[in-house]
């Protein structure tokens, strides 16, 4: 039985966090002016970049404020934010990497982390608590039993009649389990 601790290597990055940044003034005037950008480096997006190709002379119109109105890819939640906050989430994406980003976002949701940029989740804590992606809870329990060598020294009969379901129910009190993006579950050790 194999239970990978990490998803397979991503060929592309479909979950890479993207943002749609628009101009507040134009939006208030009934114009949809903006574009999609990568969240990584979002804090450097300028008013001029947002207006590129729109036909709106942003300097003449007095456009000053830009805002993230939409997100794409995997995020802990979907909400509006400023570009600095989006950039901070982009930095977290770079630290975690594309393979663990969906699990990181699931963990952030399970911890009740808001996307406001004030108290972003800690990558080190995530890495300490992340127990991997598994087919289901019972698959993780078996993985845990084998990895921890919990049945070492047990008589064969005790190993054969071990009740993984009952053990899993007890073990569940020490873990958070979140649905994985494409099936299965992410498992996190509770603090």
Protein backbone atom coordinates (compact mmCIF):
# COMPACT_ATOMS: atom_id res chain seq x y z
CA UNK A 1 0.00 0.00 0.00
CA UNK A 2 1.37 3.39 -0.94
CA UNK A 3 0.20 6.73 0.34
CA UNK A 4 2.25 9.58 -1.07
CA UNK A 5 3.09 12.41 1.29
CA UNK A 6 2.99 14.84 -1.62
CA UNK A 7 1.01 15.10 -4.81
CA UNK A 8 2.86 14.24 -8.00
CA UNK A 9 4.93 16.97 -9.64
CA UNK A 10 2.81 19.53 -11.46
CA UNK A 11 3.44 19.68 -15.21
CA UNK A 12 1.90 23.13 -15.32
CA UNK A 13 0.72 25.37 -12.54
CA UNK A 14 -3.08 25.47 -12.91
CA UNK A 15 -3.48 26.36 -9.25
CA UNK A 16 -1.11 29.35 -9.37
CA UNK A 17 -2.89 32.27 -7.73
CA UNK A 18 -3.93 34.94 -10.22
CA UNK A 19 -5.73 38.23 -9.59
CA UNK A 20 -7.91 40.55 -11.64
CA UNK A 21 -6.89 44.10 -10.75
CA UNK A 22 -9.20 46.93 -11.73
CA UNK A 23 -9.43 50.68 -11.38
CA UNK A 24 -11.82 51.96 -8.70
CA UNK A 25 -12.60 55.25 -10.45
CA UNK A 26 -13.33 53.59 -13.79
CA UNK A 27 -15.53 51.00 -12.09
CA UNK A 28 -17.49 53.73 -10.33
CA UNK A 29 -17.93 55.42 -13.74
CA UNK A 30 -19.35 52.20 -15.20
CA UNK A 31 -16.18 51.12 -17.05
CA UNK A 32 -14.62 47.72 -16.57
CA UNK A 33 -10.92 48.56 -16.75
CA UNK A 34 -8.36 46.08 -15.50
CA UNK A 35 -6.42 42.94 -16.31
CA UNK A 36 -5.29 39.58 -14.93
CA UNK A 37 -1.94 39.46 -13.15
CA UNK A 38 0.07 36.92 -11.25
CA UNK A 39 -0.28 37.27 -7.47
CA UNK A 40 3.49 36.92 -7.18
CA UNK A 41 4.76 40.49 -7.35
CA UNK A 42 1.27 42.00 -7.24
CA UNK A 43 2.42 44.77 -4.92
CA UNK A 44 4.35 46.30 -7.84
CA UNK A 45 1.36 46.57 -10.21
CA UNK A 46 0.86 50.17 -11.31
CA UNK A 47 -2.18 52.19 -12.31
CA UNK A 48 -0.66 52.46 -15.81
CA UNK A 49 -0.42 48.66 -16.14
CA UNK A 50 -4.05 48.25 -15.12
CA UNK A 51 -5.12 50.77 -17.80
CA UNK A 52 -2.88 49.40 -20.58
CA UNK A 53 -4.95 48.93 -23.74
CA UNK A 54 -8.15 50.29 -22.20
CA UNK A 55 -8.22 53.58 -24.08
CA UNK A 56 -8.62 55.44 -20.80
CA UNK A 57 -6.08 58.17 -20.08
CA UNK A 58 -5.71 57.36 -16.41
CA UNK A 59 -3.63 60.46 -15.61
CA UNK A 60 -6.17 62.81 -17.21
CA UNK A 61 -9.12 61.03 -15.58
CA UNK A 62 -7.49 61.15 -12.14
CA UNK A 63 -7.38 57.39 -11.66
CA UNK A 64 -5.32 56.62 -8.57
CA UNK A 65 -6.65 53.56 -6.78
CA UNK A 66 -6.47 49.97 -8.00
CA UNK A 67 -8.00 46.95 -6.30
CA UNK A 68 -8.15 43.17 -6.64
CA UNK A 69 -11.75 42.44 -7.61
CA UNK A 70 -11.41 38.75 -8.54
CA UNK A 71 -9.11 35.78 -8.05
CA UNK A 72 -8.32 32.65 -10.05
CA UNK A 73 -6.40 29.53 -9.17
CA UNK A 74 -6.40 28.14 -5.65
CA UNK A 75 -6.88 30.58 -2.76
CA UNK A 76 -7.87 29.94 0.86
CA UNK A 77 -11.00 32.02 0.19
CA UNK A 78 -12.28 34.16 -2.62
CA UNK A 79 -12.50 37.81 -1.65
CA UNK A 80 -11.47 41.28 -2.74
CA UNK A 81 -8.19 42.70 -1.42
CA UNK A 82 -5.50 45.25 -2.10
CA UNK A 83 -2.53 44.40 -4.31
CA UNK A 84 -0.11 44.39 -1.37
CA UNK A 85 -2.09 41.62 0.33
CA UNK A 86 -2.29 39.69 -2.94
CA UNK A 87 1.48 40.06 -3.27
CA UNK A 88 1.99 38.66 0.23
CA UNK A 89 -0.12 35.62 -0.71
CA UNK A 90 1.96 35.33 -3.87
CA UNK A 91 5.11 35.23 -1.73
CA UNK A 92 3.57 32.41 0.30
CA UNK A 93 2.84 30.56 -2.95
CA UNK A 94 6.51 30.86 -3.90
CA UNK A 95 7.61 29.57 -0.48
CA UNK A 96 5.22 26.62 -0.44
CA UNK A 97 5.54 25.72 -4.13
CA UNK A 98 2.91 24.62 -6.64
CA UNK A 99 2.68 21.03 -5.41
CA UNK A 100 1.78 21.89 -1.82
CA UNK A 101 -0.15 25.12 -2.49
CA UNK A 102 -3.63 23.47 -2.58
CA UNK A 103 -2.88 21.71 0.73
CA UNK A 104 -1.56 24.96 2.22
CA UNK A 105 -4.78 26.76 1.23
CA UNK A 106 -6.91 23.94 2.69
CA UNK A 107 -4.94 24.17 5.93
CA UNK A 108 -5.35 27.97 6.01
CA UNK A 109 -9.12 27.54 5.58
CA UNK A 110 -9.24 24.91 8.33
CA UNK A 111 -7.38 27.27 10.66
CA UNK A 112 -9.85 30.07 9.93
CA UNK A 113 -7.18 32.30 8.43
CA UNK A 114 -8.57 35.40 6.78
CA UNK A 115 -7.16 36.76 3.58
CA UNK A 116 -6.87 40.32 4.88
CA UNK A 117 -3.09 40.22 4.94
CA UNK A 118 -2.76 41.01 8.62
CA UNK A 119 -2.10 37.55 10.02
CA UNK A 120 -1.09 35.33 7.14
CA UNK A 121 -0.44 31.65 7.88
CA UNK A 122 3.07 30.53 8.75
CA UNK A 123 4.73 28.21 6.22
CA UNK A 124 6.89 26.58 8.91
CA UNK A 125 3.85 25.68 11.00
CA UNK A 126 2.14 24.26 7.90
CA UNK A 127 5.17 22.11 7.09
CA UNK A 128 5.32 20.80 10.68
CA UNK A 129 1.65 19.90 10.75
CA UNK A 130 1.05 18.65 7.20
CA UNK A 131 0.78 14.86 7.16
CA UNK A 132 0.20 14.51 3.44
CA UNK A 133 -2.52 13.80 0.92
CA UNK A 134 -4.22 10.42 1.25
CA UNK A 135 -7.02 8.52 -0.45
CA UNK A 136 -9.15 8.80 2.70
CA UNK A 137 -8.84 8.97 6.48
CA UNK A 138 -8.39 5.19 6.87
CA UNK A 139 -5.54 5.22 4.33
CA UNK A 140 -3.82 7.84 6.47
CA UNK A 141 -4.42 5.81 9.63
CA UNK A 142 -2.77 2.75 8.07
CA UNK A 143 0.09 4.93 6.83
CA UNK A 144 0.49 6.31 10.36
CA UNK A 145 0.47 2.83 11.93
CA UNK A 146 3.12 1.58 9.49
CA UNK A 147 5.33 4.70 9.59
CA UNK A 148 5.29 4.87 13.38
CA UNK A 149 5.87 1.09 13.58
CA UNK A 150 3.08 0.94 16.14
CA UNK A 151 2.59 -2.81 15.80
CA UNK A 152 6.24 -3.71 16.39
CA UNK A 153 6.47 -6.63 18.77
CA UNK A 154 2.78 -7.46 18.55
CA UNK A 155 1.78 -11.11 18.14
CA UNK A 156 0.62 -11.98 14.59
CA UNK A 157 -2.92 -12.54 15.82
CA UNK A 158 -3.11 -9.06 17.37
CA UNK A 159 -1.83 -7.49 14.14
CA UNK A 160 -4.35 -9.47 12.09
CA UNK A 161 -7.32 -8.39 14.25
CA UNK A 162 -6.28 -4.77 14.75
CA UNK A 163 -9.36 -2.54 14.40
CA UNK A 164 -8.11 0.34 12.25
CA UNK A 165 -11.54 2.00 12.23
CA UNK A 166 -11.75 2.21 16.02
CA UNK A 167 -8.13 3.34 16.29
CA UNK A 168 -8.80 5.93 13.58
CA UNK A 169 -11.77 7.32 15.51
CA UNK A 170 -9.53 7.90 18.53
CA UNK A 171 -6.69 9.28 16.41
CA UNK A 172 -9.08 11.68 14.63
CA UNK A 173 -9.22 13.89 17.73
CA UNK A 174 -5.61 14.92 17.11
CA UNK A 175 -5.93 15.78 13.41
CA UNK A 176 -7.79 18.03 10.98
CA UNK A 177 -8.93 16.49 7.72
CA UNK A 178 -9.82 18.60 4.68
CA UNK A 179 -11.06 17.48 1.28
CA UNK A 180 -8.32 17.50 -1.34
CA UNK A 181 -8.87 19.38 -4.55
CA UNK A 182 -9.14 16.38 -6.89
CA UNK A 183 -10.35 13.70 -4.46
CA UNK A 184 -8.84 12.25 -1.33
CA UNK A 185 -8.02 14.21 1.80
CA UNK A 186 -5.31 16.41 3.26
CA UNK A 187 -4.39 15.55 6.84
CA UNK A 188 -2.97 18.03 9.35
CA UNK A 189 -1.78 17.35 12.88
CA UNK A 190 -3.57 19.65 15.32
CA UNK A 191 -1.58 22.03 17.50
